[in-house]
Protein backbone atom coordinates (compact mmCIF):
# COMPACT_ATOMS: atom_id res chain seq x y z
CA MET A 1 -6.91 11.16 -5.86
CA LYS A 2 -1.17 14.44 -9.58
CA CYS A 3 -0.42 12.45 -14.22
CA PRO A 4 1.80 13.44 -17.22
CA ILE A 5 2.09 14.32 -20.78
CA HIS A 6 4.59 16.05 -19.55
CA GLN A 7 2.51 15.59 -16.40
CA PRO A 8 -1.18 16.57 -16.54
CA LEU A 9 -2.28 12.97 -16.28
CA ARG A 10 -0.24 12.33 -13.16
CA PHE A 11 -3.65 12.80 -11.54
CA ALA A 12 -4.09 9.07 -12.14
CA VAL A 13 -1.16 8.02 -10.03
CA MET A 14 -1.99 10.16 -7.09
CA VAL A 15 -5.70 9.51 -7.05
CA ILE A 16 -4.82 6.70 -4.63
CA LEU A 17 -3.47 7.16 -1.10
CA SER A 18 -2.35 3.57 -1.41
CA ALA A 19 -3.08 1.39 1.56
CA PRO A 20 -4.88 -1.79 0.49
CA LEU A 21 -7.44 -3.30 2.80
CA SER A 22 -5.71 -6.55 3.65
CA GLY A 23 -7.54 -9.76 4.29
CA ILE A 24 -10.86 -9.18 2.57
CA GLY A 25 -13.20 -11.75 4.07
CA GLN A 26 -11.70 -11.23 7.56
CA PRO A 27 -13.94 -8.48 8.98
CA ALA A 28 -11.89 -7.85 12.12
CA LEU A 29 -9.05 -6.43 10.04
CA ALA A 30 -11.17 -3.58 8.76
CA SER A 31 -11.65 -1.79 12.06
CA GLY A 32 -8.18 -0.76 13.09
CA PHE A 33 -9.01 -1.46 16.78
CA ASP A 34 -6.23 -4.04 17.34
CA ASP A 35 -4.68 -2.12 20.25
CA TYR A 36 -7.95 -1.12 21.90
CA ASP A 37 -9.77 -3.04 24.64
CA PRO A 38 -13.41 -1.89 24.87
CA GLY A 39 -13.75 -3.40 28.34
CA PHE A 40 -16.74 -5.55 27.41
CA ASP A 41 -17.84 -8.17 24.90
CA SER A 42 -20.04 -6.63 22.24
CA PRO A 43 -23.20 -8.74 21.75
CA ILE A 44 -23.11 -7.95 18.01
CA ALA A 45 -19.35 -8.27 17.46
CA GLY A 46 -18.68 -9.31 13.86
CA VAL A 47 -22.35 -9.29 12.83
CA LEU A 48 -22.35 -6.00 10.93
CA GLN A 49 -18.92 -6.60 9.46
CA GLY A 50 -19.96 -10.01 8.26
CA ALA A 51 -22.99 -8.61 6.44
CA SER A 52 -21.04 -5.79 4.79
CA ARG A 53 -20.65 -5.55 1.02
CA SER A 54 -17.81 -3.03 0.82
CA GLY A 55 -14.83 -1.66 2.69
CA PRO A 56 -16.60 1.46 3.98
CA GLU A 57 -19.56 -0.61 5.24
CA ARG A 58 -17.17 -2.99 6.96
CA THR A 59 -15.22 -0.16 8.58
CA MET A 60 -18.38 1.51 9.86
CA GLY A 61 -19.78 -1.84 10.97
CA ALA A 62 -16.75 -2.44 13.16
CA LEU A 63 -17.07 1.03 14.66
CA ILE A 64 -20.79 0.67 15.39
CA GLU A 65 -20.29 -2.80 16.89
CA ASP A 66 -17.89 -1.25 19.36
CA ILE A 67 -19.69 1.97 20.35
CA CYS A 68 -23.37 1.04 20.06
CA PRO A 69 -23.68 -1.73 22.68
CA GLY A 70 -21.72 0.42 25.15
CA GLY A 71 -23.86 3.47 24.53
CA LEU A 72 -24.02 6.35 26.97
CA GLU A 73 -23.99 4.03 29.99
CA ARG A 74 -20.48 2.73 29.24
CA GLY A 75 -19.07 6.09 28.20
CA ARG A 76 -18.45 5.08 24.62
CA ILE A 77 -20.58 7.98 23.35
CA LEU A 78 -20.64 11.51 24.80
CA ASP A 79 -23.72 12.40 26.86
CA THR A 80 -24.60 15.42 24.72
CA VAL A 81 -27.33 16.27 22.22
CA GLY A 82 -25.13 14.98 19.42
CA GLY A 83 -24.07 11.97 21.46
CA ARG A 84 -27.63 10.91 22.17
CA ASP A 85 -28.49 11.29 18.49
CA LEU A 86 -25.46 9.17 17.54
CA ALA A 87 -26.56 6.46 19.97
CA ASP A 88 -30.08 6.44 18.48
CA ARG A 89 -28.90 6.39 14.86
CA CYS A 90 -26.44 3.65 15.71
CA THR A 91 -29.20 1.57 17.30
CA ASP A 92 -31.52 2.12 14.32
CA MET A 93 -28.92 0.71 11.90
CA VAL A 94 -28.20 -2.28 14.12
CA GLU A 95 -31.90 -3.08 14.54
CA ALA A 96 -32.52 -2.82 10.78
CA ILE A 97 -29.82 -5.41 10.07
CA VAL A 98 -30.24 -7.85 12.96
CA ALA A 99 -33.91 -7.48 13.99
CA THR A 100 -36.35 -6.07 11.43
CA GLY A 101 -34.91 -7.63 8.25
CA ASP A 102 -34.30 -4.25 6.58
CA VAL A 103 -30.74 -5.39 5.86
CA ASN A 104 -30.00 -3.59 2.59
CA ALA A 105 -31.28 -0.28 3.95
CA GLY A 106 -29.17 -0.72 7.07
CA LEU A 107 -26.06 -1.44 5.01
CA ASP A 108 -26.79 1.55 2.77
CA ALA A 109 -27.03 3.71 5.88
CA MET A 110 -23.66 2.43 7.13
CA ALA A 111 -22.07 3.20 3.75
CA THR A 112 -23.59 6.69 3.74
CA VAL A 113 -22.28 7.47 7.20
CA ALA A 114 -18.82 6.01 6.55
CA GLY A 115 -17.46 8.93 4.52
CA ASP A 116 -15.37 7.06 1.93
CA GLU A 117 -15.54 10.24 -0.18
CA VAL A 118 -12.61 11.76 1.74
CA ALA A 119 -10.03 10.09 -0.55
CA THR A 120 -11.05 12.52 -3.30
CA ILE A 121 -9.17 15.31 -1.50
CA ALA A 122 -5.76 13.84 -2.29
CA THR A 123 -6.75 13.41 -5.91
CA SER A 124 -7.64 17.05 -6.51
CA GLU A 125 -4.44 18.30 -4.89
CA ILE A 126 -2.08 16.20 -6.96
CA ASP A 127 -3.91 16.96 -10.17
CA ALA A 128 -3.53 20.70 -9.62
CA SER A 129 0.22 20.71 -9.02
CA SER A 130 1.01 18.29 -11.83
CA GLY A 131 -0.84 20.41 -14.38
CA GLN A 132 1.13 23.45 -13.23
CA LEU A 133 4.45 21.66 -13.67
CA ASP A 134 3.29 20.55 -17.10
CA ALA A 135 2.77 24.12 -18.27
CA ILE A 136 6.31 25.03 -17.18
CA GLY A 137 7.81 22.01 -18.94
CA ASP A 138 6.14 22.95 -22.20
CA ARG A 139 7.41 26.50 -21.87
CA LEU A 140 10.98 25.19 -21.66
CA GLN A 141 10.47 22.99 -24.71
CA SER A 142 9.17 25.99 -26.64
CA LEU A 143 12.25 28.03 -25.75
CA ARG A 144 14.62 25.34 -26.96
CA SER A 145 12.78 25.26 -30.27
CA GLY A 146 12.94 28.98 -30.94
CA GLY A 147 9.59 30.26 -29.68
CA PRO A 148 9.00 33.98 -29.19
CA ARG A 149 10.25 35.32 -25.86
CA VAL A 150 7.03 37.18 -25.04
CA ALA A 151 3.90 35.32 -26.10
CA PHE A 152 0.67 33.66 -25.11
CA ALA A 153 2.47 30.33 -24.77
CA LEU A 154 0.61 27.07 -25.17
CA PRO A 155 2.26 23.65 -24.87
CA GLY A 156 3.21 21.49 -27.82
CA SER A 157 3.82 24.17 -30.44
CA ASP A 158 7.60 24.15 -30.11
CA GLY A 159 8.20 22.48 -33.46
CA ALA A 160 5.95 24.89 -35.35
CA LEU A 161 7.78 27.81 -33.84
CA ALA A 162 11.11 26.36 -34.88
CA ALA A 163 9.76 26.10 -38.43
CA ARG A 164 9.46 29.88 -38.52
CA GLY A 165 13.24 30.10 -38.44
CA GLY A 166 13.86 30.56 -34.73
CA ALA A 167 17.38 29.43 -33.90
CA GLY A 168 16.39 28.24 -30.49
CA LEU A 169 17.12 30.65 -27.66
CA LEU A 170 19.06 28.00 -25.77
CA THR A 171 21.07 26.74 -28.73
CA GLY A 172 22.88 29.93 -29.70
CA GLY A 173 20.01 32.07 -30.97
CA GLY A 174 20.06 34.22 -27.86
CA ALA A 175 23.75 35.07 -27.92
CA SER A 176 23.22 38.54 -29.29
CA ALA A 177 19.95 39.28 -27.47
CA ASP A 178 19.82 42.42 -25.38
CA GLY A 179 18.42 42.65 -21.86
CA ILE A 180 14.80 43.02 -22.99
CA GLN A 181 14.97 40.13 -25.43
CA ARG A 182 16.41 37.89 -22.76
CA LEU A 183 13.29 38.37 -20.62
CA GLY A 184 10.30 36.17 -21.45
CA LEU A 185 6.65 35.91 -20.37
CA PHE A 186 4.24 33.01 -20.83
CA VAL A 187 0.60 32.27 -20.00
CA ASN A 188 -1.08 28.88 -20.31
CA GLY A 189 -4.66 27.63 -19.83
CA SER A 190 -5.88 24.04 -19.32
CA TYR A 191 -8.89 21.79 -18.68
CA ASP A 192 -8.98 18.18 -17.47
CA TYR A 193 -11.72 15.62 -16.85
CA ASN A 194 -11.42 12.63 -14.53
CA ASP A 195 -13.85 9.76 -13.98
CA ARG A 196 -13.13 7.29 -11.18
CA ASP A 197 -15.20 4.10 -10.88
CA GLN A 198 -16.45 2.98 -7.50
CA SER A 199 -14.27 0.28 -5.94
CA PHE A 200 -14.52 -1.98 -2.89
CA ASN A 201 -12.88 0.68 -0.70
CA GLU A 202 -13.57 4.03 -2.35
CA ALA A 203 -16.45 6.06 -3.76
CA GLY A 204 -16.35 6.92 -7.43
CA PHE A 205 -16.45 10.49 -8.71
CA GLU A 206 -16.30 12.79 -11.71
CA ALA A 207 -14.11 15.89 -11.60
CA ASP A 208 -13.53 18.92 -13.84
CA GLY A 209 -10.46 21.13 -13.46
CA TYR A 210 -9.66 24.53 -14.96
CA GLY A 211 -6.24 26.13 -14.53
CA VAL A 212 -3.99 28.96 -15.63
CA THR A 213 -0.23 29.31 -15.25
CA ALA A 214 1.88 32.42 -15.91
CA GLY A 215 5.64 32.73 -15.69
CA LEU A 216 8.61 35.02 -16.21
CA ASP A 217 12.06 33.76 -17.20
CA TYR A 218 15.47 35.15 -18.04
CA GLN A 219 18.19 33.75 -20.31
CA MET A 220 21.36 33.81 -18.21
CA SER A 221 23.54 32.57 -21.09
CA ASP A 222 23.31 30.81 -24.46
CA VAL A 223 22.76 27.49 -22.66
CA LEU A 224 21.06 28.37 -19.36
CA LEU A 225 17.61 29.83 -18.64
CA VAL A 226 15.99 30.28 -15.21
CA GLY A 227 12.49 31.39 -14.32
CA ALA A 228 9.59 31.52 -11.89
CA ALA A 229 5.91 30.77 -12.42
CA PHE A 230 2.64 31.20 -10.52
CA SER A 231 -0.56 29.27 -11.04
CA TYR A 232 -4.19 28.92 -10.08
CA LYS A 233 -6.54 25.98 -10.57
CA ASN A 234 -10.09 25.15 -9.55
CA THR A 235 -11.28 21.54 -9.40
CA GLU A 236 -14.90 20.54 -8.83
CA ALA A 237 -15.67 16.90 -8.05
CA ASP A 238 -19.09 15.24 -7.85
CA ILE A 239 -19.10 12.07 -5.78
CA ALA A 240 -20.95 9.04 -7.21
CA ARG A 241 -24.55 8.36 -6.22
CA GLN A 242 -25.02 12.05 -5.31
CA ALA A 243 -22.96 11.41 -2.19
CA GLY A 244 -21.42 14.89 -2.06
CA THR A 245 -19.08 17.40 -3.66
CA LEU A 246 -15.53 18.67 -3.31
CA ASP A 247 -14.42 22.12 -4.49
CA THR A 248 -10.67 22.83 -4.47
CA ASP A 249 -8.79 26.06 -5.17
CA SER A 250 -5.07 25.57 -5.73
CA VAL A 251 -2.40 28.28 -5.82
CA GLY A 252 1.22 27.44 -6.58
CA GLY A 253 4.64 28.99 -6.98
CA PHE A 254 7.43 27.30 -8.93
CA GLY A 255 11.03 27.79 -9.96
CA TYR A 256 12.50 26.22 -13.07
CA ALA A 257 15.61 26.03 -15.23
CA THR A 258 16.76 24.41 -18.45
CA TYR A 259 20.32 23.72 -19.55
CA THR A 260 21.43 22.83 -23.08
CA ILE A 261 24.15 20.23 -22.79
CA GLY A 262 24.99 20.17 -26.50
CA GLY A 263 24.60 17.80 -29.42
CA GLY A 264 20.80 17.96 -29.06
CA TRP A 265 20.80 16.99 -25.35
CA TYR A 266 19.12 19.08 -22.67
CA LEU A 267 18.21 18.93 -18.98
CA ASP A 268 15.08 20.48 -17.43
CA ALA A 269 14.50 20.89 -13.68
CA MET A 270 11.60 22.42 -11.79
CA GLY A 271 10.16 22.42 -8.30
CA GLY A 272 7.68 24.30 -6.19
CA TYR A 273 4.97 24.52 -3.59
CA THR A 274 1.17 24.30 -3.96
CA GLN A 275 -1.38 25.44 -1.37
CA ASN A 276 -4.90 24.01 -1.61
CA ASP A 277 -8.17 25.11 -0.01
CA HIS A 278 -10.88 22.44 0.05
CA GLU A 279 -14.61 22.79 0.71
CA GLN A 280 -16.38 19.46 1.06
CA THR A 281 -20.03 18.47 1.37
CA ARG A 282 -21.07 14.91 2.23
CA ASN A 283 -24.71 13.91 1.96
CA VAL A 284 -25.90 11.77 4.88
CA ARG A 285 -29.35 10.66 3.75
CA TYR A 286 -30.94 7.28 4.42
CA ALA A 287 -34.10 5.57 5.68
CA VAL A 288 -34.22 2.41 7.80
CA LEU A 289 -36.81 0.32 9.64
CA GLY A 290 -35.71 0.06 13.26
CA GLN A 291 -37.33 -1.96 16.00
CA THR A 292 -37.48 0.79 18.62
CA ARG A 293 -38.44 3.84 16.56
CA GLY A 294 -39.91 2.24 13.43
CA ASN A 295 -39.25 3.97 10.13
CA VAL A 296 -36.51 6.55 10.58
CA SER A 297 -35.29 8.97 7.87
CA THR A 298 -32.15 11.05 8.12
CA SER A 299 -31.37 13.96 5.79
CA GLN A 300 -28.20 15.86 6.64
CA ILE A 301 -25.25 17.44 4.84
CA ALA A 302 -21.88 17.14 6.56
CA LEU A 303 -19.84 20.30 5.86
CA SER A 304 -16.09 20.72 6.21
CA GLU A 305 -13.22 22.97 5.16
CA LEU A 306 -9.53 22.13 5.25
CA ASP A 307 -6.15 22.99 3.78
CA SER A 308 -3.45 20.87 2.21
CA ASP A 309 -0.08 21.50 0.64
CA GLU A 310 2.42 19.81 -1.63
CA ILE A 311 6.12 20.12 -2.34
CA SER A 312 6.89 18.71 -5.79
CA GLY A 313 9.75 18.50 -8.25
CA SER A 314 10.64 17.08 -11.65
CA ALA A 315 13.80 16.49 -13.68
CA LYS A 316 13.84 15.59 -17.39
CA LEU A 317 16.74 14.53 -19.62
CA GLY A 318 15.98 14.57 -23.34
CA PHE A 319 17.34 14.64 -26.86
CA ASP A 320 15.94 16.50 -29.90
CA ALA A 321 16.77 14.96 -33.29
CA VAL A 322 15.68 16.59 -36.58
CA HIS A 323 15.39 14.47 -39.75
CA GLY A 324 14.10 16.60 -42.63
CA ALA A 325 10.52 17.53 -41.81
CA TRP A 326 10.44 15.12 -38.83
CA THR A 327 11.49 15.78 -35.24
CA VAL A 328 12.01 12.89 -32.79
CA SER A 329 12.43 13.73 -29.08
CA PRO A 330 13.03 10.78 -26.70
CA TYR A 331 13.34 11.53 -22.96
CA VAL A 332 13.42 10.15 -19.43
CA ARG A 333 11.88 11.93 -16.45
CA ALA A 334 11.69 11.58 -12.65
CA ASP A 335 8.92 13.16 -10.54
CA ALA A 336 8.56 13.36 -6.76
CA ALA A 337 5.90 14.85 -4.49
CA LYS A 338 5.28 15.12 -0.74
CA VAL A 339 1.66 15.79 0.23
CA ASP A 340 0.29 16.83 3.64
CA ILE A 341 -3.48 17.10 4.20
CA ASP A 342 -4.77 18.73 7.38
CA GLY A 343 -7.22 16.93 9.60
CA TYR A 344 -10.72 18.37 9.92
CA SER A 345 -14.02 18.11 11.77
CA GLU A 346 -17.40 18.09 10.07
CA ARG A 347 -20.44 20.07 11.10
CA MET A 348 -23.99 19.06 10.25
CA SER A 349 -26.28 21.30 8.19
CA ARG A 350 -29.30 20.74 10.49
CA PRO A 351 -27.99 20.71 14.07
CA THR A 352 -31.39 19.99 15.65
CA ALA A 353 -32.63 17.33 13.18
CA LEU A 354 -32.11 13.58 13.17
CA GLY A 355 -28.52 12.69 12.28
CA ASN A 356 -26.96 15.72 13.98
CA GLY A 357 -24.61 13.39 15.86
CA LEU A 358 -23.13 11.68 12.79
CA ALA A 359 -20.36 14.20 12.08
CA LEU A 360 -16.87 12.74 11.60
CA GLN A 361 -13.43 13.94 12.62
CA VAL A 362 -10.72 12.90 10.13
CA ASP A 363 -7.02 12.89 11.04
CA ASP A 364 -4.09 14.40 9.16
CA GLN A 365 -2.92 12.52 6.07
CA SER A 366 0.55 12.43 4.56
CA PHE A 367 2.03 10.53 1.64
CA THR A 368 4.74 10.66 -1.01
CA SER A 369 5.00 9.68 -4.66
CA VAL A 370 8.13 8.91 -6.66
CA MET A 371 7.68 8.17 -10.37
CA ALA A 372 9.85 7.61 -13.41
CA ALA A 373 8.79 7.95 -17.05
CA ILE A 374 10.33 7.12 -20.40
CA GLY A 375 8.76 8.39 -23.61
CA THR A 376 9.12 10.12 -26.93
CA GLN A 377 7.46 12.77 -29.10
CA PHE A 378 7.17 12.76 -32.90
CA GLY A 379 6.49 15.91 -34.91
CA TRP A 380 6.07 16.63 -38.63
CA LEU A 381 6.38 20.06 -40.27
CA ALA A 382 4.26 21.27 -43.20
CA THR A 383 4.77 24.74 -44.76
CA TYR A 384 2.03 26.57 -46.68
CA GLY A 385 1.53 30.02 -48.16
CA TRP A 386 -0.35 31.18 -45.07
CA GLY A 387 2.14 29.78 -42.55
CA THR A 388 3.05 26.44 -40.96
CA TRP A 389 1.28 23.41 -39.51
CA TYR A 390 3.00 21.16 -36.98
CA PRO A 391 1.12 18.03 -35.76
CA GLN A 392 2.62 15.88 -32.98
CA VAL A 393 2.02 12.55 -31.25
CA MET A 394 3.55 11.32 -28.00
CA ALA A 395 3.58 8.28 -25.75
CA GLU A 396 5.22 7.49 -22.44
CA TYR A 397 5.42 4.65 -19.91
CA VAL A 398 5.27 5.55 -16.20
CA HIS A 399 6.20 3.53 -13.10
CA GLU A 400 5.26 4.47 -9.53
CA PHE A 401 7.88 3.49 -6.92
CA ASP A 402 6.39 4.80 -3.69
CA ASN A 403 2.94 6.21 -2.80
CA GLU A 404 2.49 3.96 0.23
CA GLY A 405 0.61 6.23 2.66
CA ASP A 406 -1.30 4.95 5.68
CA PRO A 407 -5.05 4.33 5.60
CA ILE A 408 -7.34 7.20 6.55
CA THR A 409 -8.16 7.32 10.26
CA GLY A 410 -10.86 9.18 12.15
CA ARG A 411 -13.76 8.92 14.55
CA PHE A 412 -17.23 10.18 15.32
CA ILE A 413 -16.95 13.60 16.98
CA ASN A 414 -19.43 12.35 19.59
CA ALA A 415 -17.47 9.15 20.25
CA PRO A 416 -13.88 10.46 20.41
CA GLY A 417 -12.44 7.48 22.22
CA VAL A 418 -12.86 4.98 19.36
CA THR A 419 -10.93 5.38 16.09
CA PHE A 420 -11.80 3.84 12.74
CA GLN A 421 -9.30 2.96 10.04
CA ALA A 422 -10.51 3.14 6.43
CA GLY A 423 -8.74 1.05 3.82
CA ILE A 424 -7.61 2.68 0.56
CA ASP A 425 -7.10 1.02 -2.83
CA GLU A 426 -3.60 0.01 -3.78
CA PRO A 427 -2.22 2.23 -6.57
CA ASP A 428 -1.43 0.98 -10.04
CA ARG A 429 2.34 0.77 -10.48
CA ASN A 430 2.52 0.87 -14.28
CA PHE A 431 0.49 2.80 -16.82
CA ALA A 432 0.88 4.89 -19.99
CA ASN A 433 0.07 8.37 -21.26
CA VAL A 434 -0.61 9.15 -24.92
CA GLY A 435 -1.52 12.36 -26.69
CA VAL A 436 -1.86 14.30 -29.94
CA ALA A 437 -1.38 18.00 -30.65
CA SER A 438 -1.60 20.36 -33.59
CA SER A 439 -0.14 23.85 -33.98
CA PHE A 440 -0.92 26.46 -36.64
CA ILE A 441 1.19 29.58 -37.08
CA LEU A 442 0.26 32.32 -39.55
CA ASN A 443 2.89 34.33 -41.38
CA SER A 444 1.92 37.27 -39.15
CA GLY A 445 3.16 35.29 -36.15
CA THR A 446 -0.26 34.63 -34.63
CA ALA A 447 -0.54 31.01 -33.54
CA ALA A 448 -3.35 28.63 -32.58
CA PHE A 449 -2.91 25.38 -30.67
CA VAL A 450 -5.02 22.41 -29.56
CA SER A 451 -4.04 19.17 -27.82
CA PHE A 452 -5.68 16.09 -26.35
CA GLN A 453 -4.08 13.73 -23.84
CA THR A 454 -5.36 10.59 -22.15
CA LEU A 455 -4.38 7.90 -19.67
CA LEU A 456 -4.12 4.20 -20.59
CA GLY A 457 -3.86 1.07 -18.46
CA TYR A 458 -4.94 2.51 -15.10
CA ARG A 459 -7.51 0.52 -13.14
CA ASP A 460 -10.92 2.16 -12.58
CA LEU A 461 -9.81 5.60 -13.78
CA THR A 462 -10.40 7.58 -16.98
CA THR A 463 -8.49 10.84 -17.42
CA HIS A 464 -8.49 13.28 -20.33
CA ALA A 465 -6.78 16.66 -20.65
CA VAL A 466 -7.46 19.31 -23.29
CA GLU A 467 -5.51 22.49 -24.00
CA ILE A 468 -6.50 25.08 -26.58
CA GLY A 469 -5.69 28.70 -27.32
CA VAL A 470 -3.83 31.27 -29.40
CA ARG A 471 -0.40 32.85 -29.30
CA VAL A 472 0.17 36.52 -30.15
CA PRO A 473 3.83 37.58 -30.28
CA PHE A 474 4.82 40.98 -28.91
């Protein structure tokens, strides 16, 4: 639904696929059937859409208005076991709203069937890759500040490492290093929490993500370092109102480099590929009072698996200025990502029970994001008998330039000839990231680190990221 300090909060930007539902209050615009002629006048055209309270209800209302009156006789629904169930469930919802007075239950059923939870897939993918790029960016910052070449590397402790007397491996300190010293290894662990409020078009959710990134780099010269990193992340999302779950495993490979320009200036660049495996469950449970069959209850779980991938990159130009015990590091950064999500077909958990015909088929999705950020970090060094303490604060402003993907499209598997088009919330274009960190390094070289980062100014989304651990030099 990818977020940065360097980037872990880029999740916020990409949580949206970014196609606003235009013309709220004009139900016909929600269906996406502009180029389709059903061949007959629906007797309930506009009725369900007009009663709808949200975008998903309106989208499903338009779909049901088109396929239900046609039924099996007009070929709108397949004459199969699933098709006959779809026709019955469709009729039950229509009767609840227009005949028996069970309007709220009928609308709830339409919302349950609509599947607005699918937007969560894009969110989990972007969050995974952005956190991986973040770990690499912090590794580069640590190298510039004189961190140990082989360590359990955690972000944000660059200043504390410099306080131990490291010359900075990319500022001349590596000039006399031999082949072994030029080779470096880092490992980084992370956790993030995201809470998205329900909106007119999308279901809310809560998500927890755990990731690890490990990399190997080599100092080519006093001013140039190149490296490669591999990462794994698991994200588990719970959809609001117990509507379902999404479990995502992300594996990525990245290349990176940093170049010291001189006079305190530096340039970082990184890019890579992330592969994501998604397992999704969508609860389809409702009860309505129909005219034909009376009280009808449906209890199904729609199951689906799919893959997605992302190509992403980032470039950062910064300046490190030291003033006594203080370090000030302003920077500008550009991020870009191209995301492709495979289409998929659901299967129902109870193929012989009511609701077996409500499975959806969702089409491929594709979108891009281009962002720019400007920010700064402030650090203060304190030296004690046991070692050093280096607290930091940071803040950055981010602007999204692109992220204008198409709405999600799909259909009932048992009514393949009629496509729905689900509106997506428009993304926020401007927001901020802020964070604090604290590093402790003992005289023995063992280090501990903790940081907290959060997102500010983004509509309907709360995002926090925590990183904690120890560093043991080799």
